[in-house]
């Protein structure tokens, strides 16, 4: 029985295709990480002193959660190009569109 990670490596310059099951599993883990990060941020924001002292870092936690969620959506999408086009975070969308254009 072969693992999706132990397949024959692609030829030089070729792009390796990953199984939908592997991508879906990765997407699920990323979505869980996003939920965990968001929950962590909410807990920290509920403390007024922490929220006022670390506002920039709390916003970074929120952006991390959003990014993880967006990437998970692309990985599990049946139409990845449409999923990339639907990303709300402009810099992430631009970076993924640039890779797709190559």
PDB file of N, CA and C in Angstrom:
ATOM      1  N   UNK A   1       0.853  -1.174   0.000  1.00  0.00           N
ATOM      2  CA  UNK A   1       0.000   0.000   0.000  1.00  0.00           C
ATOM      3  C   UNK A   1       0.893   1.230   0.000  1.00  0.00           C
ATOM      4  N   UNK A   2       0.644   2.151  -0.900  1.00  0.00           N
ATOM      5  CA  UNK A   2       1.508   3.336  -0.977  1.00  0.00           C
ATOM      6  C   UNK A   2       0.866   4.515  -0.275  1.00  0.00           C
ATOM      7  N   UNK A   3       1.704   5.326   0.291  1.00  0.00           N
ATOM      8  CA  UNK A   3       1.277   6.539   0.967  1.00  0.00           C
ATOM      9  C   UNK A   3       1.258   7.677  -0.032  1.00  0.00           C
ATOM     10  N   UNK A   4       0.355   8.686   0.134  1.00  0.00           N
ATOM     11  CA  UNK A   4       0.361   9.809  -0.796  1.00  0.00           C
ATOM     12  C   UNK A   4       1.669  10.590  -0.744  1.00  0.00           C
ATOM     13  N   UNK A   5       2.452  10.388   0.303  1.00  0.00           N
ATOM     14  CA  UNK A   5       3.717  11.110   0.433  1.00  0.00           C
ATOM     15  C   UNK A   5       4.899  10.309  -0.103  1.00  0.00           C
ATOM     16  N   UNK A   6       4.697   9.007  -0.382  1.00  0.00           N
ATOM     17  CA  UNK A   6       5.823   8.186  -0.811  1.00  0.00           C
ATOM     18  C   UNK A   6       5.772   7.849  -2.295  1.00  0.00           C
ATOM     19  N   UNK A   7       4.974   8.549  -3.047  1.00  0.00           N
ATOM     20  CA  UNK A   7       4.873   8.307  -4.480  1.00  0.00           C
ATOM     21  C   UNK A   7       6.193   8.659  -5.155  1.00  0.00           C
ATOM     22  N   UNK A   8       6.369   8.149  -6.368  1.00  0.00           N
ATOM     23  CA  UNK A   8       7.568   8.444  -7.143  1.00  0.00           C
ATOM     24  C   UNK A   8       7.687   9.947  -7.341  1.00  0.00           C
ATOM     25  N   UNK A   9       8.871  10.515  -7.113  1.00  0.00           N
ATOM     26  CA  UNK A   9       9.024  11.967  -7.268  1.00  0.00           C
ATOM     27  C   UNK A   9       8.789  12.383  -8.721  1.00  0.00           C
ATOM     28  N   UNK A  10       8.268  13.583  -8.932  1.00  0.00           N
ATOM     29  CA  UNK A  10       8.015  14.047 -10.295  1.00  0.00           C
ATOM     30  C   UNK A  10       9.319  14.331 -11.028  1.00  0.00           C
ATOM     31  N   UNK A  11       9.244  14.315 -12.344  1.00  0.00           N
ATOM     32  CA  UNK A  11      10.409  14.656 -13.166  1.00  0.00           C
ATOM     33  C   UNK A  11      10.782  16.110 -12.918  1.00  0.00           C
ATOM     34  N   UNK A  12      12.020  16.450 -13.217  1.00  0.00           N
ATOM     35  CA  UNK A  12      12.486  17.829 -13.028  1.00  0.00           C
ATOM     36  C   UNK A  12      11.562  18.791 -13.774  1.00  0.00           C
ATOM     37  N   UNK A  13      11.128  19.828 -13.087  1.00  0.00           N
ATOM     38  CA  UNK A  13      10.263  20.843 -13.682  1.00  0.00           C
ATOM     39  C   UNK A  13       8.784  20.496 -13.633  1.00  0.00           C
ATOM     40  N   UNK A  14       8.446  19.264 -13.291  1.00  0.00           N
ATOM     41  CA  UNK A  14       7.041  18.862 -13.222  1.00  0.00           C
ATOM     42  C   UNK A  14       6.463  19.243 -11.861  1.00  0.00           C
ATOM     43  N   UNK A  15       5.161  19.433 -11.838  1.00  0.00           N
ATOM     44  CA  UNK A  15       4.468  19.754 -10.599  1.00  0.00           C
ATOM     45  C   UNK A  15       3.846  18.478 -10.059  1.00  0.00           C
ATOM     46  N   UNK A  16       4.120  18.167  -8.797  1.00  0.00           N
ATOM     47  CA  UNK A  16       3.561  16.967  -8.181  1.00  0.00           C
ATOM     48  C   UNK A  16       2.092  17.198  -7.853  1.00  0.00           C
ATOM     49  N   UNK A  17       1.260  16.237  -8.214  1.00  0.00           N
ATOM     50  CA  UNK A  17      -0.155  16.309  -7.873  1.00  0.00           C
ATOM     51  C   UNK A  17      -0.370  15.562  -6.561  1.00  0.00           C
ATOM     52  N   UNK A  18      -1.146  16.143  -5.692  1.00  0.00           N
ATOM     53  CA  UNK A  18      -1.449  15.502  -4.417  1.00  0.00           C
ATOM     54  C   UNK A  18      -2.884  15.015  -4.446  1.00  0.00           C
ATOM     55  N   UNK A  19      -3.136  13.959  -3.747  1.00  0.00           N
ATOM     56  CA  UNK A  19      -4.475  13.388  -3.740  1.00  0.00           C
ATOM     57  C   UNK A  19      -5.455  14.345  -3.065  1.00  0.00           C
ATOM     58  N   UNK A  20      -6.705  14.336  -3.517  1.00  0.00           N
ATOM     59  CA  UNK A  20      -7.722  15.159  -2.867  1.00  0.00           C
ATOM     60  C   UNK A  20      -7.866  14.818  -1.379  1.00  0.00           C
ATOM     61  N   UNK A  21      -7.663  13.543  -1.032  1.00  0.00           N
ATOM     62  CA  UNK A  21      -7.770  13.148   0.380  1.00  0.00           C
ATOM     63  C   UNK A  21      -6.682  13.818   1.217  1.00  0.00           C
ATOM     64  N   UNK A  22      -5.464  13.826   0.688  1.00  0.00           N
ATOM     65  CA  UNK A  22      -4.366  14.480   1.411  1.00  0.00           C
ATOM     66  C   UNK A  22      -4.628  15.975   1.546  1.00  0.00           C
ATOM     67  N   UNK A  23      -5.020  16.620   0.446  1.00  0.00           N
ATOM     68  CA  UNK A  23      -5.301  18.061   0.494  1.00  0.00           C
ATOM     69  C   UNK A  23      -6.452  18.365   1.439  1.00  0.00           C
ATOM     70  N   UNK A  24      -7.473  17.520   1.434  1.00  0.00           N
ATOM     71  CA  UNK A  24      -8.604  17.724   2.340  1.00  0.00           C
ATOM     72  C   UNK A  24      -8.204  17.582   3.799  1.00  0.00           C
ATOM     73  N   UNK A  25      -7.334  16.631   4.079  1.00  0.00           N
ATOM     74  CA  UNK A  25      -6.857  16.438   5.454  1.00  0.00           C
ATOM     75  C   UNK A  25      -6.023  17.630   5.904  1.00  0.00           C
ATOM     76  N   UNK A  26      -5.138  18.092   5.031  1.00  0.00           N
ATOM     77  CA  UNK A  26      -4.334  19.280   5.353  1.00  0.00           C
ATOM     78  C   UNK A  26      -5.256  20.471   5.574  1.00  0.00           C
ATOM     79  N   UNK A  27      -6.235  20.640   4.702  1.00  0.00           N
ATOM     80  CA  UNK A  27      -7.182  21.753   4.831  1.00  0.00           C
ATOM     81  C   UNK A  27      -7.925  21.684   6.157  1.00  0.00           C
ATOM     82  N   UNK A  28      -8.333  20.496   6.545  1.00  0.00           N
ATOM     83  CA  UNK A  28      -9.027  20.340   7.823  1.00  0.00           C
ATOM     84  C   UNK A  28      -8.167  20.753   9.006  1.00  0.00           C
ATOM     85  N   UNK A  29      -6.898  20.362   8.962  1.00  0.00           N
ATOM     86  CA  UNK A  29      -5.980  20.752  10.047  1.00  0.00           C
ATOM     87  C   UNK A  29      -5.753  22.267  10.056  1.00  0.00           C
ATOM     88  N   UNK A  30      -5.590  22.852   8.890  1.00  0.00           N
ATOM     89  CA  UNK A  30      -5.415  24.309   8.829  1.00  0.00           C
ATOM     90  C   UNK A  30      -6.656  25.023   9.369  1.00  0.00           C
ATOM     91  N   UNK A  31      -7.835  24.535   9.016  1.00  0.00           N
ATOM     92  CA  UNK A  31      -9.074  25.139   9.519  1.00  0.00           C
ATOM     93  C   UNK A  31      -9.151  25.023  11.041  1.00  0.00           C
ATOM     94  N   UNK A  32      -8.718  23.877  11.589  1.00  0.00           N
ATOM     95  CA  UNK A  32      -8.702  23.722  13.047  1.00  0.00           C
ATOM     96  C   UNK A  32      -7.710  24.682  13.697  1.00  0.00           C
ATOM     97  N   UNK A  33      -6.541  24.845  13.068  1.00  0.00           N
ATOM     98  CA  UNK A  33      -5.560  25.804  13.592  1.00  0.00           C
ATOM     99  C   UNK A  33      -6.148  27.220  13.569  1.00  0.00           C
ATOM    100  N   UNK A  34      -6.888  27.539  12.519  1.00  0.00           N
ATOM    101  CA  UNK A  34      -7.520  28.860  12.419  1.00  0.00           C
ATOM    102  C   UNK A  34      -8.506  29.069  13.560  1.00  0.00           C
ATOM    103  N   UNK A  35      -9.317  28.055  13.831  1.00  0.00           N
ATOM    104  CA  UNK A  35     -10.284  28.157  14.937  1.00  0.00           C
ATOM    105  C   UNK A  35      -9.568  28.331  16.268  1.00  0.00           C
ATOM    106  N   UNK A  36      -8.490  27.564  16.474  1.00  0.00           N
ATOM    107  CA  UNK A  36      -7.723  27.668  17.718  1.00  0.00           C
ATOM    108  C   UNK A  36      -7.119  29.059  17.879  1.00  0.00           C
ATOM    109  N   UNK A  37      -6.532  29.589  16.797  1.00  0.00           N
ATOM    110  CA  UNK A  37      -5.926  30.919  16.854  1.00  0.00           C
ATOM    111  C   UNK A  37      -6.980  31.973  17.142  1.00  0.00           C
ATOM    112  N   UNK A  38      -8.136  31.847  16.488  1.00  0.00           N
ATOM    113  CA  UNK A  38      -9.209  32.813  16.712  1.00  0.00           C
ATOM    114  C   UNK A  38      -9.722  32.753  18.155  1.00  0.00           C
ATOM    115  N   UNK A  39      -9.888  31.539  18.682  1.00  0.00           N
ATOM    116  CA  UNK A  39     -10.345  31.382  20.067  1.00  0.00           C
ATOM    117  C   UNK A  39      -9.322  31.971  21.039  1.00  0.00           C
ATOM    118  N   UNK A  40      -8.045  31.749  20.768  1.00  0.00           N
ATOM    119  CA  UNK A  40      -6.974  32.298  21.595  1.00  0.00           C
ATOM    120  C   UNK A  40      -7.034  33.823  21.577  1.00  0.00           C
ATOM    121  N   UNK A  41      -7.199  34.397  20.395  1.00  0.00           N
ATOM    122  CA  UNK A  41      -7.303  35.852  20.269  1.00  0.00           C
ATOM    123  C   UNK A  41      -8.496  36.403  21.022  1.00  0.00           C
ATOM    124  N   UNK A  42      -9.626  35.711  20.964  1.00  0.00           N
ATOM    125  CA  UNK A  42     -10.831  36.164  21.669  1.00  0.00           C
ATOM    126  C   UNK A  42     -10.598  36.176  23.175  1.00  0.00           C
ATOM    127  N   UNK A  43      -9.949  35.129  23.684  1.00  0.00           N
ATOM    128  CA  UNK A  43      -9.641  35.079  25.121  1.00  0.00           C
ATOM    129  C   UNK A  43      -8.759  36.256  25.510  1.00  0.00           C
ATOM    130  N   UNK A  44      -7.727  36.516  24.724  1.00  0.00           N
ATOM    131  CA  UNK A  44      -6.816  37.618  25.037  1.00  0.00           C
ATOM    132  C   UNK A  44      -7.516  38.972  24.917  1.00  0.00           C
ATOM    133  N   UNK A  45      -8.398  39.114  23.930  1.00  0.00           N
ATOM    134  CA  UNK A  45      -9.117  40.380  23.750  1.00  0.00           C
ATOM    135  C   UNK A  45     -10.095  40.657  24.880  1.00  0.00           C
ATOM    136  N   UNK A  46     -10.534  39.614  25.551  1.00  0.00           N
ATOM    137  CA  UNK A  46     -11.504  39.812  26.633  1.00  0.00           C
ATOM    138  C   UNK A  46     -10.862  40.420  27.887  1.00  0.00           C
ATOM    139  N   UNK A  47      -9.542  40.460  27.915  1.00  0.00           N
ATOM    140  CA  UNK A  47      -8.826  41.119  29.009  1.00  0.00           C
ATOM    141  C   UNK A  47      -8.463  42.524  28.535  1.00  0.00           C
ATOM    142  N   UNK A  48      -9.084  43.524  29.115  1.00  0.00           N
ATOM    143  CA  UNK A  48      -8.909  44.908  28.670  1.00  0.00           C
ATOM    144  C   UNK A  48      -7.438  45.324  28.641  1.00  0.00           C
ATOM    145  N   UNK A  49      -6.696  44.988  29.695  1.00  0.00           N
ATOM    146  CA  UNK A  49      -5.287  45.387  29.760  1.00  0.00           C
ATOM    147  C   UNK A  49      -4.470  44.734  28.647  1.00  0.00           C
ATOM    148  N   UNK A  50      -4.707  43.469  28.408  1.00  0.00           N
ATOM    149  CA  UNK A  50      -3.994  42.765  27.341  1.00  0.00           C
ATOM    150  C   UNK A  50      -4.382  43.352  25.986  1.00  0.00           C
ATOM    151  N   UNK A  51      -5.684  43.569  25.802  1.00  0.00           N
ATOM    152  CA  UNK A  51      -6.169  44.083  24.516  1.00  0.00           C
ATOM    153  C   UNK A  51      -5.582  45.450  24.197  1.00  0.00           C
ATOM    154  N   UNK A  52      -5.504  46.323  25.179  1.00  0.00           N
ATOM    155  CA  UNK A  52      -4.969  47.664  24.916  1.00  0.00           C
ATOM    156  C   UNK A  52      -3.449  47.645  24.757  1.00  0.00           C
ATOM    157  N   UNK A  53      -2.793  46.758  25.462  1.00  0.00           N
ATOM    158  CA  UNK A  53      -1.340  46.701  25.412  1.00  0.00           C
ATOM    159  C   UNK A  53      -0.823  45.991  24.154  1.00  0.00           C
ATOM    160  N   UNK A  54      -1.569  45.001  23.675  1.00  0.00           N
ATOM    161  CA  UNK A  54      -1.095  44.161  22.575  1.00  0.00           C
ATOM    162  C   UNK A  54      -2.045  44.169  21.375  1.00  0.00           C
ATOM    163  N   UNK A  55      -2.627  45.294  21.076  1.00  0.00           N
ATOM    164  CA  UNK A  55      -3.598  45.386  19.990  1.00  0.00           C
ATOM    165  C   UNK A  55      -3.017  44.929  18.647  1.00  0.00           C
ATOM    166  N   UNK A  56      -1.817  45.376  18.319  1.00  0.00           N
ATOM    167  CA  UNK A  56      -1.204  45.002  17.036  1.00  0.00           C
ATOM    168  C   UNK A  56      -0.991  43.486  16.969  1.00  0.00           C
ATOM    169  N   UNK A  57      -0.495  42.889  18.032  1.00  0.00           N
ATOM    170  CA  UNK A  57      -0.251  41.454  18.042  1.00  0.00           C
ATOM    171  C   UNK A  57      -1.568  40.671  17.974  1.00  0.00           C
ATOM    172  N   UNK A  58      -2.614  41.185  18.604  1.00  0.00           N
ATOM    173  CA  UNK A  58      -3.922  40.527  18.537  1.00  0.00           C
ATOM    174  C   UNK A  58      -4.484  40.596  17.120  1.00  0.00           C
ATOM    175  N   UNK A  59      -4.235  41.707  16.444  1.00  0.00           N
ATOM    176  CA  UNK A  59      -4.654  41.804  15.046  1.00  0.00           C
ATOM    177  C   UNK A  59      -3.873  40.813  14.183  1.00  0.00           C
ATOM    178  N   UNK A  60      -2.617  40.583  14.512  1.00  0.00           N
ATOM    179  CA  UNK A  60      -1.813  39.598  13.779  1.00  0.00           C
ATOM    180  C   UNK A  60      -2.352  38.186  13.991  1.00  0.00           C
ATOM    181  N   UNK A  61      -2.806  37.894  15.202  1.00  0.00           N
ATOM    182  CA  UNK A  61      -3.425  36.592  15.467  1.00  0.00           C
ATOM    183  C   UNK A  61      -4.683  36.435  14.619  1.00  0.00           C
ATOM    184  N   UNK A  62      -5.477  37.494  14.524  1.00  0.00           N
ATOM    185  CA  UNK A  62      -6.691  37.448  13.710  1.00  0.00           C
ATOM    186  C   UNK A  62      -6.349  37.241  12.240  1.00  0.00           C
ATOM    187  N   UNK A  63      -5.343  37.943  11.767  1.00  0.00           N
ATOM    188  CA  UNK A  63      -4.932  37.798  10.363  1.00  0.00           C
ATOM    189  C   UNK A  63      -4.402  36.389  10.090  1.00  0.00           C
ATOM    190  N   UNK A  64      -3.680  35.828  11.036  1.00  0.00           N
ATOM    191  CA  UNK A  64      -3.202  34.454  10.917  1.00  0.00           C
ATOM    192  C   UNK A  64      -4.382  33.497  10.772  1.00  0.00           C
ATOM    193  N   UNK A  65      -5.385  33.663  11.622  1.00  0.00           N
ATOM    194  CA  UNK A  65      -6.574  32.805  11.556  1.00  0.00           C
ATOM    195  C   UNK A  65      -7.276  32.954  10.204  1.00  0.00           C
ATOM    196  N   UNK A  66      -7.418  34.168   9.728  1.00  0.00           N
ATOM    197  CA  UNK A  66      -8.047  34.401   8.426  1.00  0.00           C
ATOM    198  C   UNK A  66      -7.245  33.748   7.301  1.00  0.00           C
ATOM    199  N   UNK A  67      -5.934  33.902   7.348  1.00  0.00           N
ATOM    200  CA  UNK A  67      -5.072  33.329   6.310  1.00  0.00           C
ATOM    201  C   UNK A  67      -5.166  31.810   6.289  1.00  0.00           C
ATOM    202  N   UNK A  68      -5.111  31.201   7.465  1.00  0.00           N
ATOM    203  CA  UNK A  68      -5.224  29.744   7.545  1.00  0.00           C
ATOM    204  C   UNK A  68      -6.556  29.266   6.973  1.00  0.00           C
ATOM    205  N   UNK A  69      -7.617  29.969   7.306  1.00  0.00           N
ATOM    206  CA  UNK A  69      -8.955  29.611   6.815  1.00  0.00           C
ATOM    207  C   UNK A  69      -9.026  29.741   5.290  1.00  0.00           C
ATOM    208  N   UNK A  70      -8.477  30.820   4.759  1.00  0.00           N
ATOM    209  CA  UNK A  70      -8.497  31.041   3.308  1.00  0.00           C
ATOM    210  C   UNK A  70      -7.684  29.965   2.581  1.00  0.00           C
ATOM    211  N   UNK A  71      -6.513  29.623   3.099  1.00  0.00           N
ATOM    212  CA  UNK A  71      -5.680  28.593   2.479  1.00  0.00           C
ATOM    213  C   UNK A  71      -6.384  27.239   2.534  1.00  0.00           C
ATOM    214  N   UNK A  72      -7.019  26.943   3.659  1.00  0.00           N
ATOM    215  CA  UNK A  72      -7.777  25.693   3.771  1.00  0.00           C
ATOM    216  C   UNK A  72      -8.878  25.635   2.720  1.00  0.00           C
ATOM    217  N   UNK A  73      -9.556  26.752   2.490  1.00  0.00           N
ATOM    218  CA  UNK A  73     -10.616  26.784   1.482  1.00  0.00           C
ATOM    219  C   UNK A  73     -10.066  26.495   0.090  1.00  0.00           C
ATOM    220  N   UNK A  74      -8.894  27.033  -0.220  1.00  0.00           N
ATOM    221  CA  UNK A  74      -8.287  26.779  -1.533  1.00  0.00           C
ATOM    222  C   UNK A  74      -7.924  25.302  -1.669  1.00  0.00           C
ATOM    223  N   UNK A  75      -7.346  24.723  -0.625  1.00  0.00           N
ATOM    224  CA  UNK A  75      -6.920  23.323  -0.693  1.00  0.00           C
ATOM    225  C   UNK A  75      -8.089  22.360  -0.883  1.00  0.00           C
ATOM    226  N   UNK A  76      -9.242  22.688  -0.317  1.00  0.00           N
ATOM    227  CA  UNK A  76     -10.373  21.764  -0.430  1.00  0.00           C
ATOM    228  C   UNK A  76     -11.317  22.113  -1.581  1.00  0.00           C
ATOM    229  N   UNK A  77     -11.036  23.159  -2.309  1.00  0.00           N
ATOM    230  CA  UNK A  77     -11.927  23.614  -3.382  1.00  0.00           C
ATOM    231  C   UNK A  77     -11.861  22.699  -4.607  1.00  0.00           C
ATOM    232  N   UNK A  78     -13.016  22.477  -5.231  1.00  0.00           N
ATOM    233  CA  UNK A  78     -13.040  21.736  -6.497  1.00  0.00           C
ATOM    234  C   UNK A  78     -12.545  22.621  -7.637  1.00  0.00           C
ATOM    235  N   UNK A  79     -12.616  23.943  -7.453  1.00  0.00           N
ATOM    236  CA  UNK A  79     -12.104  24.904  -8.427  1.00  0.00           C
ATOM    237  C   UNK A  79     -11.135  25.844  -7.708  1.00  0.00           C
ATOM    238  N   UNK A  80      -9.865  25.441  -7.587  1.00  0.00           N
ATOM    239  CA  UNK A  80      -8.893  26.240  -6.831  1.00  0.00           C
ATOM    240  C   UNK A  80      -8.726  27.669  -7.359  1.00  0.00           C
ATOM    241  N   UNK A  81      -8.796  27.860  -8.689  1.00  0.00           N
ATOM    242  CA  UNK A  81      -8.644  29.213  -9.234  1.00  0.00           C
ATOM    243  C   UNK A  81      -9.759  30.123  -8.744  1.00  0.00           C
ATOM    244  N   UNK A  82     -10.981  29.622  -8.728  1.00  0.00           N
ATOM    245  CA  UNK A  82     -12.105  30.415  -8.222  1.00  0.00           C
ATOM    246  C   UNK A  82     -11.954  30.667  -6.724  1.00  0.00           C
ATOM    247  N   UNK A  83     -11.448  29.676  -5.994  1.00  0.00           N
ATOM    248  CA  UNK A  83     -11.237  29.848  -4.560  1.00  0.00           C
ATOM    249  C   UNK A  83     -10.186  30.919  -4.295  1.00  0.00           C
ATOM    250  N   UNK A  84      -9.111  30.922  -5.082  1.00  0.00           N
ATOM    251  CA  UNK A  84      -8.076  31.949  -4.937  1.00  0.00           C
ATOM    252  C   UNK A  84      -8.676  33.316  -5.249  1.00  0.00           C
ATOM    253  N   UNK A  85      -9.456  33.403  -6.315  1.00  0.00           N
ATOM    254  CA  UNK A  85     -10.074  34.684  -6.695  1.00  0.00           C
ATOM    255  C   UNK A  85     -11.012  35.195  -5.604  1.00  0.00           C
ATOM    256  N   UNK A  86     -11.563  34.289  -4.799  1.00  0.00           N
ATOM    257  CA  UNK A  86     -12.493  34.682  -3.737  1.00  0.00           C
ATOM    258  C   UNK A  86     -11.839  35.007  -2.402  1.00  0.00           C
ATOM    259  N   UNK A  87     -10.519  34.955  -2.333  1.00  0.00           N
ATOM    260  CA  UNK A  87      -9.822  35.255  -1.077  1.00  0.00           C
ATOM    261  C   UNK A  87      -9.989  36.732  -0.748  1.00  0.00           C
ATOM    262  N   UNK A  88     -10.383  37.007   0.491  1.00  0.00           N
ATOM    263  CA  UNK A  88     -10.615  38.391   0.929  1.00  0.00           C
ATOM    264  C   UNK A  88      -9.319  39.142   1.250  1.00  0.00           C
ATOM    265  N   UNK A  89      -8.307  38.437   1.700  1.00  0.00           N
ATOM    266  CA  UNK A  89      -7.043  39.079   2.056  1.00  0.00           C
ATOM    267  C   UNK A  89      -6.252  39.346   0.774  1.00  0.00           C
ATOM    268  N   UNK A  90      -6.152  40.617   0.410  1.00  0.00           N
ATOM    269  CA  UNK A  90      -5.571  41.007  -0.867  1.00  0.00           C
ATOM    270  C   UNK A  90      -4.161  40.521  -1.108  1.00  0.00           C
ATOM    271  N   UNK A  91      -3.283  40.619  -0.105  1.00  0.00           N
ATOM    272  CA  UNK A  91      -1.889  40.216  -0.330  1.00  0.00           C
ATOM    273  C   UNK A  91      -1.766  38.704  -0.479  1.00  0.00           C
ATOM    274  N   UNK A  92      -2.572  37.947   0.245  1.00  0.00           N
ATOM    275  CA  UNK A  92      -2.564  36.495   0.101  1.00  0.00           C
ATOM    276  C   UNK A  92      -3.107  36.109  -1.272  1.00  0.00           C
ATOM    277  N   UNK A  93      -4.212  36.725  -1.677  1.00  0.00           N
ATOM    278  CA  UNK A  93      -4.784  36.454  -2.999  1.00  0.00           C
ATOM    279  C   UNK A  93      -3.765  36.773  -4.096  1.00  0.00           C
ATOM    280  N   UNK A  94      -3.108  37.920  -4.005  1.00  0.00           N
ATOM    281  CA  UNK A  94      -2.129  38.330  -5.015  1.00  0.00           C
ATOM    282  C   UNK A  94      -0.968  37.336  -5.072  1.00  0.00           C
ATOM    283  N   UNK A  95      -0.499  36.897  -3.923  1.00  0.00           N
ATOM    284  CA  UNK A  95       0.625  35.945  -3.890  1.00  0.00           C
ATOM    285  C   UNK A  95       0.233  34.624  -4.528  1.00  0.00           C
ATOM    286  N   UNK A  96      -0.971  34.139  -4.263  1.00  0.00           N
ATOM    287  CA  UNK A  96      -1.407  32.872  -4.844  1.00  0.00           C
ATOM    288  C   UNK A  96      -1.735  33.019  -6.330  1.00  0.00           C
ATOM    289  N   UNK A  97      -2.265  34.149  -6.722  1.00  0.00           N
ATOM    290  CA  UNK A  97      -2.517  34.391  -8.150  1.00  0.00           C
ATOM    291  C   UNK A  97      -1.199  34.461  -8.921  1.00  0.00           C
ATOM    292  N   UNK A  98      -0.181  35.030  -8.301  1.00  0.00           N
ATOM    293  CA  UNK A  98       1.124  35.137  -8.957  1.00  0.00           C
ATOM    294  C   UNK A  98       1.727  33.751  -9.167  1.00  0.00           C
ATOM    295  N   UNK A  99       1.598  32.864  -8.198  1.00  0.00           N
ATOM    296  CA  UNK A  99       2.105  31.503  -8.334  1.00  0.00           C
ATOM    297  C   UNK A  99       1.343  30.781  -9.427  1.00  0.00           C
ATOM    298  N   UNK A 100       0.039  30.975  -9.459  1.00  0.00           N
ATOM    299  CA  UNK A 100      -0.808  30.297 -10.448  1.00  0.00           C
ATOM    300  C   UNK A 100      -0.517  30.793 -11.859  1.00  0.00           C
ATOM    301  N   UNK A 101      -0.023  32.020 -11.997  1.00  0.00           N
ATOM    302  CA  UNK A 101       0.263  32.591 -13.310  1.00  0.00           C
ATOM    303  C   UNK A 101       1.559  32.047 -13.912  1.00  0.00           C
ATOM    304  N   UNK A 102       2.403  31.457 -13.080  1.00  0.00           N
ATOM    305  CA  UNK A 102       3.703  30.948 -13.565  1.00  0.00           C
ATOM    306  C   UNK A 102       3.553  29.675 -14.363  1.00  0.00           C
TER     307      UNK A 102
END
